[in-house]
Structure formats: structure tokens, C-alpha cells
Amino acid sequence: MEFSEQIKKLRRDQGLTQEELAGKIHVTRQAASNSENEKNLPDLETLIVISRTFQLSLDQLILGGTEMTDKLINDASATKRAKFNFWSALIGGGLMVIGFICFIIKANSVEYIDKQGFLHENFYLLPLGYLFLLSGLLVILVSGVSYLCKLRKLRKSQN
């Protein structure tokens, strides 16, 4: 039996509404409804509260069918991938912005020759700007390729 069917059956056997169930397990009514309609799964803490409320072991609650366990593992993996992609895009974008700032500073800086004949110029800003731009682009590309490879593996394993 799938988790959504099992939670619905447990609620109905106890004669509870979704709102009453939500109150017992300390979630919103919408979260209880989403669990019953397979829109999302409760977190581990909520699963423990459900198992205690209905006097079920976690094995009985979770392993009623292997679909629940597989879905929990896939959901956790997808969340980790999303966080990784977010942070890598943020870091790559930040590096690229720093590169553009180097170019802007170089374009607006004044170059002059002092009385001793020394040239004062921020020559190092150009290679530094290119370095930041390329490293930011590299971070974004590597995380994108990594994401596409993982997505391809996930699709192959589902088929």
C-alpha cells in the first residue's frame, strides 16, 4: 500500500478530518492533504509523530510499500542537487561580477608618469578581470554539465 493510501486509511479509521489529523501531527491542513494526494511527502520528524500518533512502527508506516522509501530518497537527492546548483550559480555569477568590476575600474583609472619618469597604471586589472570572468564561467559550466549528467542518469534509471 502506498503511503498516501495508508495515511488516508489511518485517518478514516480514526474518524478524523484532514484538519484534525493535521492538528494531531502538528502540520497545516494543506500539508496533510498534500500527503494524502501524493503531492509531497512529510519530513522525518513528521513521520515519527505520525507513527507515534497511530501506534505504528516506522517500518510499518514507511515500508508498507517500497515506493515511499524510493520517493523519499529521490526527493532528498533532488533537494541536494537544487541547493548545489543554486550555490554554484551564485558563486559563478559573483566571480563574473568581480571580473566586470575590474574592467570598470581599469577603464576609469587615470594613468600618469611622475617626475621620476615612472608610469603609474593599474595594468594588473585586465588579466585579473579576465581571470575572474573565466573562473566564474567555468564554475557555471561545470555545475551545468554535472547537473545534465545526473539528470541523464536519473532518467535512465527510471526507464
Protein backbone atom coordinates (compact mmCIF):
# COMPACT_ATOMS: atom_id res chain seq x y z
CA MET A 1 0.00 0.00 0.00
CA GLU A 2 1.35 3.44 -0.90
CA PHE A 3 1.95 6.00 1.82
CA SER A 4 -0.84 8.31 0.63
CA GLU A 5 -3.38 5.48 0.75
CA GLN A 6 -2.08 4.34 4.11
CA ILE A 7 -2.32 7.79 5.72
CA LYS A 8 -5.82 8.24 4.30
CA LYS A 9 -6.88 4.85 5.67
CA LEU A 10 -5.39 5.59 9.10
CA ARG A 11 -7.18 8.95 9.23
CA ARG A 12 -10.52 7.47 8.20
CA ASP A 13 -10.20 4.52 10.60
CA GLN A 14 -9.77 7.01 13.44
CA GLY A 15 -12.72 9.07 12.15
CA LEU A 16 -10.61 12.20 11.74
CA THR A 17 -10.91 15.03 9.25
CA GLN A 18 -7.80 16.29 7.48
CA GLU A 19 -7.79 19.31 9.77
CA GLU A 20 -7.98 17.14 12.90
CA LEU A 21 -5.19 14.93 11.56
CA ALA A 22 -3.09 18.00 10.82
CA GLY A 23 -3.58 19.20 14.39
CA LYS A 24 -2.53 15.83 15.83
CA ILE A 25 0.66 15.64 13.77
CA HIS A 26 1.47 19.38 14.05
CA VAL A 27 1.27 20.36 10.38
CA THR A 28 -1.10 22.51 8.33
CA ARG A 29 -4.23 21.06 6.81
CA GLN A 30 -2.71 21.69 3.38
CA ALA A 31 0.36 19.61 4.28
CA ALA A 32 -1.88 16.74 5.43
CA SER A 33 -3.87 17.00 2.21
CA ASN A 34 -0.69 17.01 0.12
CA SER A 35 0.49 13.83 1.86
CA GLU A 36 -2.81 12.11 1.09
CA ASN A 37 -2.76 13.27 -2.54
CA GLU A 38 0.88 12.31 -3.22
CA LYS A 39 1.90 15.91 -3.87
CA ASN A 40 4.73 15.75 -1.35
CA LEU A 41 5.91 13.60 1.50
CA PRO A 42 6.26 14.58 5.15
CA ASP A 43 9.71 15.09 6.61
CA LEU A 44 11.27 12.59 9.03
CA GLU A 45 10.12 14.42 12.16
CA THR A 46 6.51 14.37 10.95
CA LEU A 47 6.79 10.67 10.07
CA ILE A 48 7.88 9.98 13.65
CA VAL A 49 4.93 11.96 15.01
CA ILE A 50 2.54 10.04 12.71
CA SER A 51 3.97 6.69 13.80
CA ARG A 52 3.58 7.62 17.47
CA THR A 53 0.08 9.02 16.98
CA PHE A 54 -1.19 5.86 15.28
CA GLN A 55 0.98 3.44 17.31
CA LEU A 56 2.80 2.14 14.24
CA SER A 57 6.46 1.39 13.86
CA LEU A 58 8.29 3.44 11.27
CA ASP A 59 8.82 0.23 9.31
CA GLN A 60 5.08 -0.32 9.09
CA LEU A 61 4.44 3.30 8.21
CA ILE A 62 7.24 3.79 5.67
CA LEU A 63 7.88 0.32 4.32
CA GLY A 64 4.27 -0.50 3.68
CA GLY A 65 5.45 -0.25 0.09
CA THR A 66 8.91 0.39 -1.32
CA GLU A 67 7.61 3.30 -3.41
CA MET A 68 7.61 5.52 -0.33
CA THR A 69 11.24 4.79 0.53
CA ASP A 70 12.35 5.29 -3.07
CA LYS A 71 10.46 8.57 -3.30
CA LEU A 72 11.98 9.86 -0.04
CA ILE A 73 15.48 9.06 -1.31
CA ASN A 74 14.82 10.69 -4.70
CA ASP A 75 13.29 13.79 -3.09
CA ALA A 76 16.31 14.23 -0.80
CA SER A 77 18.68 13.78 -3.74
CA ALA A 78 16.78 16.33 -5.83
CA THR A 79 16.90 18.84 -2.98
CA LYS A 80 20.67 18.44 -2.62
CA ARG A 81 21.14 18.91 -6.38
CA ALA A 82 18.99 22.04 -6.36
CA LYS A 83 20.99 23.56 -3.48
CA PHE A 84 24.28 22.72 -5.20
CA ASN A 85 23.11 24.28 -8.47
CA PHE A 86 21.89 27.41 -6.68
CA TRP A 87 25.16 27.97 -4.82
CA SER A 88 27.37 27.21 -7.80
CA ALA A 89 25.40 29.63 -9.99
CA LEU A 90 25.61 32.27 -7.26
CA ILE A 91 29.37 31.82 -6.84
CA GLY A 92 29.97 31.77 -10.60
CA GLY A 93 27.88 34.89 -11.09
CA GLY A 94 29.69 36.63 -8.24
CA LEU A 95 33.08 35.85 -9.78
CA MET A 96 31.90 37.24 -13.12
CA VAL A 97 30.64 40.44 -11.46
CA ILE A 98 34.04 40.89 -9.79
CA GLY A 99 35.65 40.49 -13.23
CA PHE A 100 33.41 43.20 -14.71
CA ILE A 101 34.21 45.49 -11.77
CA CYS A 102 37.93 45.05 -12.51
CA PHE A 103 37.31 46.17 -16.11
CA ILE A 104 35.27 49.18 -14.99
CA ILE A 105 37.95 50.27 -12.53
CA LYS A 106 40.64 49.88 -15.21
CA ALA A 107 38.62 51.90 -17.71
CA ASN A 108 38.05 54.73 -15.23
CA SER A 109 41.52 54.88 -13.66
CA VAL A 110 43.97 57.63 -14.55
CA GLU A 111 47.39 56.68 -15.88
CA TYR A 112 50.24 59.14 -15.45
CA ILE A 113 54.01 59.49 -15.44
CA ASP A 114 55.53 61.04 -12.32
CA LYS A 115 58.56 63.40 -12.13
CA GLN A 116 60.99 60.48 -11.92
CA GLY A 117 59.59 59.01 -15.16
CA PHE A 118 57.65 56.10 -13.64
CA LEU A 119 54.38 55.11 -15.27
CA HIS A 120 51.54 54.64 -12.79
CA GLU A 121 48.92 52.34 -14.27
CA ASN A 122 46.60 49.61 -12.96
CA PHE A 123 47.85 47.14 -15.59
CA TYR A 124 47.10 44.12 -13.40
CA LEU A 125 43.32 44.74 -13.53
CA LEU A 126 42.91 43.43 -17.09
CA PRO A 127 44.32 39.93 -16.53
CA LEU A 128 42.65 39.83 -13.12
CA GLY A 129 39.30 40.74 -14.70
CA TYR A 130 39.70 38.03 -17.33
CA LEU A 131 40.68 35.53 -14.65
CA PHE A 132 37.52 36.24 -12.62
CA LEU A 133 35.31 36.16 -15.72
CA LEU A 134 36.69 32.85 -16.92
CA SER A 135 36.63 31.24 -13.49
CA GLY A 136 33.01 32.31 -12.98
CA LEU A 137 32.07 30.97 -16.38
CA LEU A 138 33.92 27.73 -15.65
CA VAL A 139 32.09 27.25 -12.33
CA ILE A 140 28.72 27.75 -14.01
CA LEU A 141 29.57 25.45 -16.94
CA VAL A 142 30.92 22.65 -14.74
CA SER A 143 27.87 22.72 -12.46
CA GLY A 144 25.57 22.79 -15.51
CA VAL A 145 27.28 19.82 -17.14
CA SER A 146 27.24 17.98 -13.81
CA TYR A 147 23.51 18.65 -13.48
CA LEU A 148 22.82 17.41 -17.00
CA CYS A 149 24.83 14.22 -16.40
CA LYS A 150 22.96 13.48 -13.17
CA LEU A 151 19.65 14.21 -14.89
CA ARG A 152 20.53 11.79 -17.68
CA LYS A 153 21.47 9.06 -15.17
CA LEU A 154 18.23 9.64 -13.27
CA ARG A 155 16.16 9.32 -16.43
CA LYS A 156 17.98 6.13 -17.44
CA SER A 157 17.42 4.59 -14.00
CA GLN A 158 13.69 5.42 -14.13
CA ASN A 159 13.26 3.73 -17.51
